[in-house]
Amino acid sequence: MSKRQNDNLSMKEALSAFIQKNKLEKGMDKVNAKDAWVRLMGNGVNNYTTAVELRNETLYISLSSSVLREELSLGKSKIITMMNEELGKELIKKLILR
């Protein structure tokens, strides 16, 4: 049985320690990337978004509108910058719209 720590931790600190101890950062990054996309793009883009997936520093976005895909492709670097700022770390290096 593992020892308990008697230190008083906030819930955020306890969850962060649990995530690090169990090596769950990559999974949390994937979830956070999806949430960041929804927050940043708003309802207009999210209505046409069918999938958001983060793999190896590349964010894959599936869109049901070819017109929107073309429009967003013009601002890929800005989207990457905004996503990384929202996530609080340099997580996304490349954006692929499909």
PDB file of N, CA and C in Angstrom:
ATOM      1  N   MET A   1       0.846  -1.178   0.000  1.00  0.00           N
ATOM      2  CA  MET A   1       0.000   0.000   0.000  1.00  0.00           C
ATOM      3  C   MET A   1       0.893   1.242   0.000  1.00  0.00           C
ATOM      4  N   SER A   2       0.552   2.209  -0.810  1.00  0.00           N
ATOM      5  CA  SER A   2       1.366   3.409  -0.900  1.00  0.00           C
ATOM      6  C   SER A   2       1.077   4.352   0.263  1.00  0.00           C
ATOM      7  N   LYS A   3       2.086   5.152   0.587  1.00  0.00           N
ATOM      8  CA  LYS A   3       1.936   6.102   1.678  1.00  0.00           C
ATOM      9  C   LYS A   3       1.117   7.298   1.238  1.00  0.00           C
ATOM     10  N   ARG A   4       0.403   7.839   2.141  1.00  0.00           N
ATOM     11  CA  ARG A   4      -0.354   9.049   1.871  1.00  0.00           C
ATOM     12  C   ARG A   4       0.519  10.255   2.145  1.00  0.00           C
ATOM     13  N   GLN A   5       0.294  11.275   1.356  1.00  0.00           N
ATOM     14  CA  GLN A   5       0.971  12.535   1.617  1.00  0.00           C
ATOM     15  C   GLN A   5       0.081  13.362   2.527  1.00  0.00           C
ATOM     16  N   ASN A   6       0.672  13.914   3.564  1.00  0.00           N
ATOM     17  CA  ASN A   6      -0.109  14.713   4.508  1.00  0.00           C
ATOM     18  C   ASN A   6      -0.204  16.169   4.090  1.00  0.00           C
ATOM     19  N   ASP A   7       0.437  16.530   2.971  1.00  0.00           N
ATOM     20  CA  ASP A   7       0.375  17.904   2.495  1.00  0.00           C
ATOM     21  C   ASP A   7      -1.031  18.213   1.999  1.00  0.00           C
ATOM     22  N   ASN A   8      -1.479  19.404   2.301  1.00  0.00           N
ATOM     23  CA  ASN A   8      -2.774  19.843   1.791  1.00  0.00           C
ATOM     24  C   ASN A   8      -2.576  20.367   0.383  1.00  0.00           C
ATOM     25  N   LEU A   9      -3.189  19.713  -0.595  1.00  0.00           N
ATOM     26  CA  LEU A   9      -3.071  20.104  -1.996  1.00  0.00           C
ATOM     27  C   LEU A   9      -4.419  20.611  -2.488  1.00  0.00           C
ATOM     28  N   SER A  10      -4.349  21.561  -3.390  1.00  0.00           N
ATOM     29  CA  SER A  10      -5.594  21.980  -4.031  1.00  0.00           C
ATOM     30  C   SER A  10      -6.003  20.878  -5.012  1.00  0.00           C
ATOM     31  N   MET A  11      -7.237  20.918  -5.448  1.00  0.00           N
ATOM     32  CA  MET A  11      -7.736  19.910  -6.388  1.00  0.00           C
ATOM     33  C   MET A  11      -6.941  19.952  -7.689  1.00  0.00           C
ATOM     34  N   LYS A  12      -6.603  21.155  -8.150  1.00  0.00           N
ATOM     35  CA  LYS A  12      -5.838  21.308  -9.391  1.00  0.00           C
ATOM     36  C   LYS A  12      -4.462  20.672  -9.257  1.00  0.00           C
ATOM     37  N   GLU A  13      -3.794  20.909  -8.142  1.00  0.00           N
ATOM     38  CA  GLU A  13      -2.469  20.323  -7.913  1.00  0.00           C
ATOM     39  C   GLU A  13      -2.547  18.798  -7.822  1.00  0.00           C
ATOM     40  N   ALA A  14      -3.576  18.291  -7.142  1.00  0.00           N
ATOM     41  CA  ALA A  14      -3.734  16.848  -6.996  1.00  0.00           C
ATOM     42  C   ALA A  14      -3.988  16.183  -8.347  1.00  0.00           C
ATOM     43  N   LEU A  15      -4.835  16.799  -9.170  1.00  0.00           N
ATOM     44  CA  LEU A  15      -5.106  16.247 -10.496  1.00  0.00           C
ATOM     45  C   LEU A  15      -3.866  16.302 -11.387  1.00  0.00           C
ATOM     46  N   SER A  16      -3.128  17.399 -11.314  1.00  0.00           N
ATOM     47  CA  SER A  16      -1.900  17.516 -12.107  1.00  0.00           C
ATOM     48  C   SER A  16      -0.891  16.443 -11.712  1.00  0.00           C
ATOM     49  N   ALA A  17      -0.747  16.214 -10.411  1.00  0.00           N
ATOM     50  CA  ALA A  17       0.177  15.182  -9.937  1.00  0.00           C
ATOM     51  C   ALA A  17      -0.276  13.797 -10.404  1.00  0.00           C
ATOM     52  N   PHE A  18      -1.574  13.545 -10.354  1.00  0.00           N
ATOM     53  CA  PHE A  18      -2.110  12.258 -10.803  1.00  0.00           C
ATOM     54  C   PHE A  18      -1.860  12.047 -12.296  1.00  0.00           C
ATOM     55  N   ILE A  19      -2.097  13.084 -13.085  1.00  0.00           N
ATOM     56  CA  ILE A  19      -1.897  12.997 -14.542  1.00  0.00           C
ATOM     57  C   ILE A  19      -0.430  12.736 -14.864  1.00  0.00           C
ATOM     58  N   GLN A  20       0.477  13.426 -14.187  1.00  0.00           N
ATOM     59  CA  GLN A  20       1.902  13.234 -14.437  1.00  0.00           C
ATOM     60  C   GLN A  20       2.362  11.856 -13.986  1.00  0.00           C
ATOM     61  N   LYS A  21       1.914  11.422 -12.825  1.00  0.00           N
ATOM     62  CA  LYS A  21       2.337  10.125 -12.282  1.00  0.00           C
ATOM     63  C   LYS A  21       1.884   8.980 -13.186  1.00  0.00           C
ATOM     64  N   ASN A  22       0.705   9.088 -13.764  1.00  0.00           N
ATOM     65  CA  ASN A  22       0.155   8.018 -14.591  1.00  0.00           C
ATOM     66  C   ASN A  22       0.394   8.230 -16.084  1.00  0.00           C
ATOM     67  N   LYS A  23       1.211   9.227 -16.434  1.00  0.00           N
ATOM     68  CA  LYS A  23       1.605   9.501 -17.829  1.00  0.00           C
ATOM     69  C   LYS A  23       0.397   9.681 -18.754  1.00  0.00           C
ATOM     70  N   LEU A  24      -0.484  10.568 -18.355  1.00  0.00           N
ATOM     71  CA  LEU A  24      -1.715  10.820 -19.111  1.00  0.00           C
ATOM     72  C   LEU A  24      -1.687  12.152 -19.856  1.00  0.00           C
ATOM     73  N   GLU A  25      -0.522  12.814 -19.939  1.00  0.00           N
ATOM     74  CA  GLU A  25      -0.449  14.139 -20.552  1.00  0.00           C
ATOM     75  C   GLU A  25      -0.890  14.135 -22.013  1.00  0.00           C
ATOM     76  N   LYS A  26      -0.454  13.135 -22.778  1.00  0.00           N
ATOM     77  CA  LYS A  26      -0.791  13.107 -24.208  1.00  0.00           C
ATOM     78  C   LYS A  26      -2.298  13.001 -24.419  1.00  0.00           C
ATOM     79  N   GLY A  27      -2.950  12.181 -23.650  1.00  0.00           N
ATOM     80  CA  GLY A  27      -4.402  12.047 -23.759  1.00  0.00           C
ATOM     81  C   GLY A  27      -5.114  13.329 -23.374  1.00  0.00           C
ATOM     82  N   MET A  28      -4.620  13.987 -22.330  1.00  0.00           N
ATOM     83  CA  MET A  28      -5.218  15.248 -21.911  1.00  0.00           C
ATOM     84  C   MET A  28      -4.987  16.329 -22.958  1.00  0.00           C
ATOM     85  N   ASP A  29      -3.818  16.311 -23.607  1.00  0.00           N
ATOM     86  CA  ASP A  29      -3.539  17.281 -24.673  1.00  0.00           C
ATOM     87  C   ASP A  29      -4.524  17.118 -25.824  1.00  0.00           C
ATOM     88  N   LYS A  30      -4.863  15.875 -26.152  1.00  0.00           N
ATOM     89  CA  LYS A  30      -5.823  15.625 -27.234  1.00  0.00           C
ATOM     90  C   LYS A  30      -7.194  16.194 -26.882  1.00  0.00           C
ATOM     91  N   VAL A  31      -7.621  15.963 -25.665  1.00  0.00           N
ATOM     92  CA  VAL A  31      -8.923  16.475 -25.218  1.00  0.00           C
ATOM     93  C   VAL A  31      -8.905  18.002 -25.178  1.00  0.00           C
ATOM     94  N   ASN A  32      -7.817  18.567 -24.656  1.00  0.00           N
ATOM     95  CA  ASN A  32      -7.710  20.027 -24.571  1.00  0.00           C
ATOM     96  C   ASN A  32      -7.683  20.672 -25.956  1.00  0.00           C
ATOM     97  N   ALA A  33      -7.069  20.009 -26.938  1.00  0.00           N
ATOM     98  CA  ALA A  33      -7.029  20.544 -28.301  1.00  0.00           C
ATOM     99  C   ALA A  33      -8.440  20.588 -28.889  1.00  0.00           C
ATOM    100  N   LYS A  34      -9.226  19.553 -28.665  1.00  0.00           N
ATOM    101  CA  LYS A  34     -10.615  19.553 -29.152  1.00  0.00           C
ATOM    102  C   LYS A  34     -11.418  20.674 -28.508  1.00  0.00           C
ATOM    103  N   ASP A  35     -11.262  20.825 -27.196  1.00  0.00           N
ATOM    104  CA  ASP A  35     -11.988  21.876 -26.482  1.00  0.00           C
ATOM    105  C   ASP A  35     -11.571  23.265 -26.954  1.00  0.00           C
ATOM    106  N   ALA A  36     -10.280  23.454 -27.178  1.00  0.00           N
ATOM    107  CA  ALA A  36      -9.781  24.749 -27.641  1.00  0.00           C
ATOM    108  C   ALA A  36     -10.342  25.083 -29.017  1.00  0.00           C
ATOM    109  N   TRP A  37     -10.424  24.082 -29.905  1.00  0.00           N
ATOM    110  CA  TRP A  37     -10.991  24.307 -31.246  1.00  0.00           C
ATOM    111  C   TRP A  37     -12.434  24.787 -31.130  1.00  0.00           C
ATOM    112  N   VAL A  38     -13.210  24.127 -30.285  1.00  0.00           N
ATOM    113  CA  VAL A  38     -14.624  24.492 -30.114  1.00  0.00           C
ATOM    114  C   VAL A  38     -14.742  25.914 -29.572  1.00  0.00           C
ATOM    115  N   ARG A  39     -13.926  26.254 -28.580  1.00  0.00           N
ATOM    116  CA  ARG A  39     -13.994  27.599 -27.987  1.00  0.00           C
ATOM    117  C   ARG A  39     -13.562  28.675 -28.972  1.00  0.00           C
ATOM    118  N   LEU A  40     -12.476  28.446 -29.696  1.00  0.00           N
ATOM    119  CA  LEU A  40     -11.930  29.480 -30.577  1.00  0.00           C
ATOM    120  C   LEU A  40     -12.735  29.685 -31.852  1.00  0.00           C
ATOM    121  N   MET A  41     -13.254  28.620 -32.427  1.00  0.00           N
ATOM    122  CA  MET A  41     -13.900  28.719 -33.738  1.00  0.00           C
ATOM    123  C   MET A  41     -15.363  29.111 -33.664  1.00  0.00           C
ATOM    124  N   GLY A  42     -16.021  28.864 -32.586  1.00  0.00           N
ATOM    125  CA  GLY A  42     -17.418  29.269 -32.439  1.00  0.00           C
ATOM    126  C   GLY A  42     -18.379  28.356 -33.195  1.00  0.00           C
ATOM    127  N   ASN A  43     -19.661  28.657 -33.100  1.00  0.00           N
ATOM    128  CA  ASN A  43     -20.711  27.808 -33.669  1.00  0.00           C
ATOM    129  C   ASN A  43     -20.662  27.712 -35.186  1.00  0.00           C
ATOM    130  N   GLY A  44     -20.317  28.795 -35.865  1.00  0.00           N
ATOM    131  CA  GLY A  44     -20.307  28.786 -37.329  1.00  0.00           C
ATOM    132  C   GLY A  44     -19.391  27.720 -37.901  1.00  0.00           C
ATOM    133  N   VAL A  45     -18.172  27.652 -37.408  1.00  0.00           N
ATOM    134  CA  VAL A  45     -17.211  26.658 -37.889  1.00  0.00           C
ATOM    135  C   VAL A  45     -17.509  25.288 -37.294  1.00  0.00           C
ATOM    136  N   ASN A  46     -17.909  25.252 -36.037  1.00  0.00           N
ATOM    137  CA  ASN A  46     -18.165  23.968 -35.373  1.00  0.00           C
ATOM    138  C   ASN A  46     -19.322  23.201 -35.989  1.00  0.00           C
ATOM    139  N   ASN A  47     -20.262  23.895 -36.597  1.00  0.00           N
ATOM    140  CA  ASN A  47     -21.363  23.205 -37.268  1.00  0.00           C
ATOM    141  C   ASN A  47     -20.878  22.379 -38.455  1.00  0.00           C
ATOM    142  N   TYR A  48     -19.766  22.794 -39.054  1.00  0.00           N
ATOM    143  CA  TYR A  48     -19.212  22.078 -40.206  1.00  0.00           C
ATOM    144  C   TYR A  48     -18.015  21.203 -39.848  1.00  0.00           C
ATOM    145  N   THR A  49     -17.620  21.175 -38.580  1.00  0.00           N
ATOM    146  CA  THR A  49     -16.494  20.356 -38.135  1.00  0.00           C
ATOM    147  C   THR A  49     -17.008  18.966 -37.787  1.00  0.00           C
ATOM    148  N   THR A  50     -16.438  17.950 -38.438  1.00  0.00           N
ATOM    149  CA  THR A  50     -16.871  16.577 -38.171  1.00  0.00           C
ATOM    150  C   THR A  50     -15.902  15.831 -37.259  1.00  0.00           C
ATOM    151  N   ALA A  51     -14.624  16.215 -37.227  1.00  0.00           N
ATOM    152  CA  ALA A  51     -13.650  15.547 -36.359  1.00  0.00           C
ATOM    153  C   ALA A  51     -12.473  16.470 -36.084  1.00  0.00           C
ATOM    154  N   VAL A  52     -11.949  16.369 -34.859  1.00  0.00           N
ATOM    155  CA  VAL A  52     -10.746  17.094 -34.449  1.00  0.00           C
ATOM    156  C   VAL A  52      -9.836  16.065 -33.789  1.00  0.00           C
ATOM    157  N   GLU A  53      -8.626  15.939 -34.325  1.00  0.00           N
ATOM    158  CA  GLU A  53      -7.713  14.917 -33.803  1.00  0.00           C
ATOM    159  C   GLU A  53      -6.295  15.469 -33.748  1.00  0.00           C
ATOM    160  N   LEU A  54      -5.634  15.266 -32.624  1.00  0.00           N
ATOM    161  CA  LEU A  54      -4.245  15.689 -32.454  1.00  0.00           C
ATOM    162  C   LEU A  54      -3.360  14.456 -32.471  1.00  0.00           C
ATOM    163  N   ARG A  55      -2.411  14.425 -33.422  1.00  0.00           N
ATOM    164  CA  ARG A  55      -1.449  13.317 -33.523  1.00  0.00           C
ATOM    165  C   ARG A  55      -0.068  13.888 -33.820  1.00  0.00           C
ATOM    166  N   ASN A  56       0.896  13.594 -32.962  1.00  0.00           N
ATOM    167  CA  ASN A  56       2.295  13.966 -33.191  1.00  0.00           C
ATOM    168  C   ASN A  56       2.480  15.425 -33.601  1.00  0.00           C
ATOM    169  N   GLU A  57       1.996  16.329 -32.795  1.00  0.00           N
ATOM    170  CA  GLU A  57       2.129  17.777 -33.018  1.00  0.00           C
ATOM    171  C   GLU A  57       1.414  18.270 -34.270  1.00  0.00           C
ATOM    172  N   THR A  58       0.535  17.449 -34.835  1.00  0.00           N
ATOM    173  CA  THR A  58      -0.258  17.839 -36.002  1.00  0.00           C
ATOM    174  C   THR A  58      -1.733  17.770 -35.631  1.00  0.00           C
ATOM    175  N   LEU A  59      -2.454  18.842 -35.908  1.00  0.00           N
ATOM    176  CA  LEU A  59      -3.887  18.891 -35.642  1.00  0.00           C
ATOM    177  C   LEU A  59      -4.626  18.629 -36.943  1.00  0.00           C
ATOM    178  N   TYR A  60      -5.419  17.553 -36.963  1.00  0.00           N
ATOM    179  CA  TYR A  60      -6.209  17.175 -38.132  1.00  0.00           C
ATOM    180  C   TYR A  60      -7.647  17.611 -37.886  1.00  0.00           C
ATOM    181  N   ILE A  61      -8.173  18.416 -38.816  1.00  0.00           N
ATOM    182  CA  ILE A  61      -9.545  18.897 -38.719  1.00  0.00           C
ATOM    183  C   ILE A  61     -10.312  18.408 -39.942  1.00  0.00           C
ATOM    184  N   SER A  62     -11.388  17.685 -39.715  1.00  0.00           N
ATOM    185  CA  SER A  62     -12.255  17.239 -40.807  1.00  0.00           C
ATOM    186  C   SER A  62     -13.450  18.188 -40.891  1.00  0.00           C
ATOM    187  N   LEU A  63     -13.672  18.705 -42.077  1.00  0.00           N
ATOM    188  CA  LEU A  63     -14.765  19.654 -42.300  1.00  0.00           C
ATOM    189  C   LEU A  63     -15.694  19.133 -43.383  1.00  0.00           C
ATOM    190  N   SER A  64     -16.977  19.410 -43.226  1.00  0.00           N
ATOM    191  CA  SER A  64     -17.952  18.959 -44.212  1.00  0.00           C
ATOM    192  C   SER A  64     -18.176  19.990 -45.314  1.00  0.00           C
ATOM    193  N   SER A  65     -17.566  21.156 -45.215  1.00  0.00           N
ATOM    194  CA  SER A  65     -17.731  22.212 -46.211  1.00  0.00           C
ATOM    195  C   SER A  65     -16.394  22.503 -46.890  1.00  0.00           C
ATOM    196  N   SER A  66     -16.338  22.292 -48.192  1.00  0.00           N
ATOM    197  CA  SER A  66     -15.105  22.565 -48.929  1.00  0.00           C
ATOM    198  C   SER A  66     -14.814  24.066 -48.995  1.00  0.00           C
ATOM    199  N   VAL A  67     -15.853  24.875 -49.001  1.00  0.00           N
ATOM    200  CA  VAL A  67     -15.677  26.325 -49.035  1.00  0.00           C
ATOM    201  C   VAL A  67     -15.032  26.798 -47.726  1.00  0.00           C
ATOM    202  N   LEU A  68     -15.519  26.303 -46.611  1.00  0.00           N
ATOM    203  CA  LEU A  68     -14.950  26.655 -45.313  1.00  0.00           C
ATOM    204  C   LEU A  68     -13.517  26.140 -45.193  1.00  0.00           C
ATOM    205  N   ARG A  69     -13.265  24.951 -45.694  1.00  0.00           N
ATOM    206  CA  ARG A  69     -11.920  24.369 -45.670  1.00  0.00           C
ATOM    207  C   ARG A  69     -10.937  25.282 -46.396  1.00  0.00           C
ATOM    208  N   GLU A  70     -11.329  25.766 -47.567  1.00  0.00           N
ATOM    209  CA  GLU A  70     -10.478  26.661 -48.346  1.00  0.00           C
ATOM    210  C   GLU A  70     -10.266  27.991 -47.611  1.00  0.00           C
ATOM    211  N   GLU A  71     -11.319  28.503 -47.028  1.00  0.00           N
ATOM    212  CA  GLU A  71     -11.243  29.777 -46.291  1.00  0.00           C
ATOM    213  C   GLU A  71     -10.299  29.658 -45.086  1.00  0.00           C
ATOM    214  N   LEU A  72     -10.421  28.569 -44.334  1.00  0.00           N
ATOM    215  CA  LEU A  72      -9.568  28.379 -43.162  1.00  0.00           C
ATOM    216  C   LEU A  72      -8.119  28.094 -43.546  1.00  0.00           C
ATOM    217  N   SER A  73      -7.912  27.487 -44.701  1.00  0.00           N
ATOM    218  CA  SER A  73      -6.542  27.166 -45.122  1.00  0.00           C
ATOM    219  C   SER A  73      -5.714  28.429 -45.356  1.00  0.00           C
ATOM    220  N   LEU A  74      -6.371  29.547 -45.635  1.00  0.00           N
ATOM    221  CA  LEU A  74      -5.657  30.807 -45.843  1.00  0.00           C
ATOM    222  C   LEU A  74      -5.058  31.356 -44.545  1.00  0.00           C
ATOM    223  N   GLY A  75      -5.614  30.947 -43.404  1.00  0.00           N
ATOM    224  CA  GLY A  75      -5.138  31.454 -42.113  1.00  0.00           C
ATOM    225  C   GLY A  75      -4.579  30.375 -41.206  1.00  0.00           C
ATOM    226  N   LYS A  76      -3.946  29.350 -41.792  1.00  0.00           N
ATOM    227  CA  LYS A  76      -3.441  28.233 -40.991  1.00  0.00           C
ATOM    228  C   LYS A  76      -2.461  28.674 -39.909  1.00  0.00           C
ATOM    229  N   SER A  77      -1.516  29.519 -40.252  1.00  0.00           N
ATOM    230  CA  SER A  77      -0.502  29.925 -39.266  1.00  0.00           C
ATOM    231  C   SER A  77      -1.137  30.699 -38.107  1.00  0.00           C
ATOM    232  N   LYS A  78      -2.130  31.520 -38.420  1.00  0.00           N
ATOM    233  CA  LYS A  78      -2.823  32.263 -37.361  1.00  0.00           C
ATOM    234  C   LYS A  78      -3.611  31.313 -36.461  1.00  0.00           C
ATOM    235  N   ILE A  79      -4.252  30.307 -37.048  1.00  0.00           N
ATOM    236  CA  ILE A  79      -5.014  29.330 -36.268  1.00  0.00           C
ATOM    237  C   ILE A  79      -4.075  28.559 -35.345  1.00  0.00           C
ATOM    238  N   ILE A  80      -2.913  28.160 -35.855  1.00  0.00           N
ATOM    239  CA  ILE A  80      -1.940  27.423 -35.038  1.00  0.00           C
ATOM    240  C   ILE A  80      -1.495  28.283 -33.856  1.00  0.00           C
ATOM    241  N   THR A  81      -1.208  29.546 -34.121  1.00  0.00           N
ATOM    242  CA  THR A  81      -0.781  30.466 -33.059  1.00  0.00           C
ATOM    243  C   THR A  81      -1.874  30.625 -32.010  1.00  0.00           C
ATOM    244  N   MET A  82      -3.114  30.829 -32.454  1.00  0.00           N
ATOM    245  CA  MET A  82      -4.230  30.995 -31.525  1.00  0.00           C
ATOM    246  C   MET A  82      -4.459  29.735 -30.701  1.00  0.00           C
ATOM    247  N   MET A  83      -4.369  28.578 -31.321  1.00  0.00           N
ATOM    248  CA  MET A  83      -4.571  27.308 -30.612  1.00  0.00           C
ATOM    249  C   MET A  83      -3.493  27.118 -29.545  1.00  0.00           C
ATOM    250  N   ASN A  84      -2.235  27.367 -29.903  1.00  0.00           N
ATOM    251  CA  ASN A  84      -1.147  27.208 -28.936  1.00  0.00           C
ATOM    252  C   ASN A  84      -1.274  28.180 -27.771  1.00  0.00           C
ATOM    253  N   GLU A  85      -1.715  29.401 -28.051  1.00  0.00           N
ATOM    254  CA  GLU A  85      -1.946  30.367 -26.975  1.00  0.00           C
ATOM    255  C   GLU A  85      -3.065  29.893 -26.061  1.00  0.00           C
ATOM    256  N   GLU A  86      -4.123  29.361 -26.643  1.00  0.00           N
ATOM    257  CA  GLU A  86      -5.258  28.860 -25.852  1.00  0.00           C
ATOM    258  C   GLU A  86      -4.845  27.666 -25.000  1.00  0.00           C
ATOM    259  N   LEU A  87      -3.988  26.806 -25.551  1.00  0.00           N
ATOM    260  CA  LEU A  87      -3.538  25.619 -24.827  1.00  0.00           C
ATOM    261  C   LEU A  87      -2.452  25.943 -23.800  1.00  0.00           C
ATOM    262  N   GLY A  88      -1.811  27.079 -23.959  1.00  0.00           N
ATOM    263  CA  GLY A  88      -0.795  27.480 -22.998  1.00  0.00           C
ATOM    264  C   GLY A  88       0.568  26.848 -23.213  1.00  0.00           C
ATOM    265  N   LYS A  89       0.745  26.165 -24.336  1.00  0.00           N
ATOM    266  CA  LYS A  89       2.046  25.585 -24.664  1.00  0.00           C
ATOM    267  C   LYS A  89       2.138  25.337 -26.149  1.00  0.00           C
ATOM    268  N   GLU A  90       3.354  25.177 -26.628  1.00  0.00           N
ATOM    269  CA  GLU A  90       3.635  24.968 -28.046  1.00  0.00           C
ATOM    270  C   GLU A  90       3.353  23.501 -28.377  1.00  0.00           C
ATOM    271  N   LEU A  91       2.083  23.179 -28.591  1.00  0.00           N
ATOM    272  CA  LEU A  91       1.657  21.797 -28.774  1.00  0.00           C
ATOM    273  C   LEU A  91       1.436  21.460 -30.244  1.00  0.00           C
ATOM    274  N   ILE A  92       0.967  22.432 -31.020  1.00  0.00           N
ATOM    275  CA  ILE A  92       0.608  22.200 -32.422  1.00  0.00           C
ATOM    276  C   ILE A  92       1.647  22.856 -33.328  1.00  0.00           C
ATOM    277  N   LYS A  93       2.216  22.077 -34.212  1.00  0.00           N
ATOM    278  CA  LYS A  93       3.202  22.599 -35.171  1.00  0.00           C
ATOM    279  C   LYS A  93       2.622  22.681 -36.579  1.00  0.00           C
ATOM    280  N   LYS A  94       1.631  21.836 -36.874  1.00  0.00           N
ATOM    281  CA  LYS A  94       1.082  21.740 -38.222  1.00  0.00           C
ATOM    282  C   LYS A  94      -0.427  21.558 -38.150  1.00  0.00           C
ATOM    283  N   LEU A  95      -1.132  22.118 -39.127  1.00  0.00           N
ATOM    284  CA  LEU A  95      -2.589  22.009 -39.197  1.00  0.00           C
ATOM    285  C   LEU A  95      -2.960  21.434 -40.551  1.00  0.00           C
ATOM    286  N   ILE A  96      -3.737  20.369 -40.533  1.00  0.00           N
ATOM    287  CA  ILE A  96      -4.213  19.750 -41.773  1.00  0.00           C
ATOM    288  C   ILE A  96      -5.730  19.784 -41.786  1.00  0.00           C
ATOM    289  N   LEU A  97      -6.271  20.439 -42.801  1.00  0.00           N
ATOM    290  CA  LEU A  97      -7.712  20.529 -42.973  1.00  0.00           C
ATOM    291  C   LEU A  97      -8.115  19.522 -44.045  1.00  0.00           C
ATOM    292  N   ARG A  98      -9.067  18.673 -43.715  1.00  0.00           N
ATOM    293  CA  ARG A  98      -9.513  17.677 -44.685  1.00  0.00           C
ATOM    294  C   ARG A  98     -11.008  17.588 -44.736  1.00  0.00           C
TER     295      ARG A  98
END
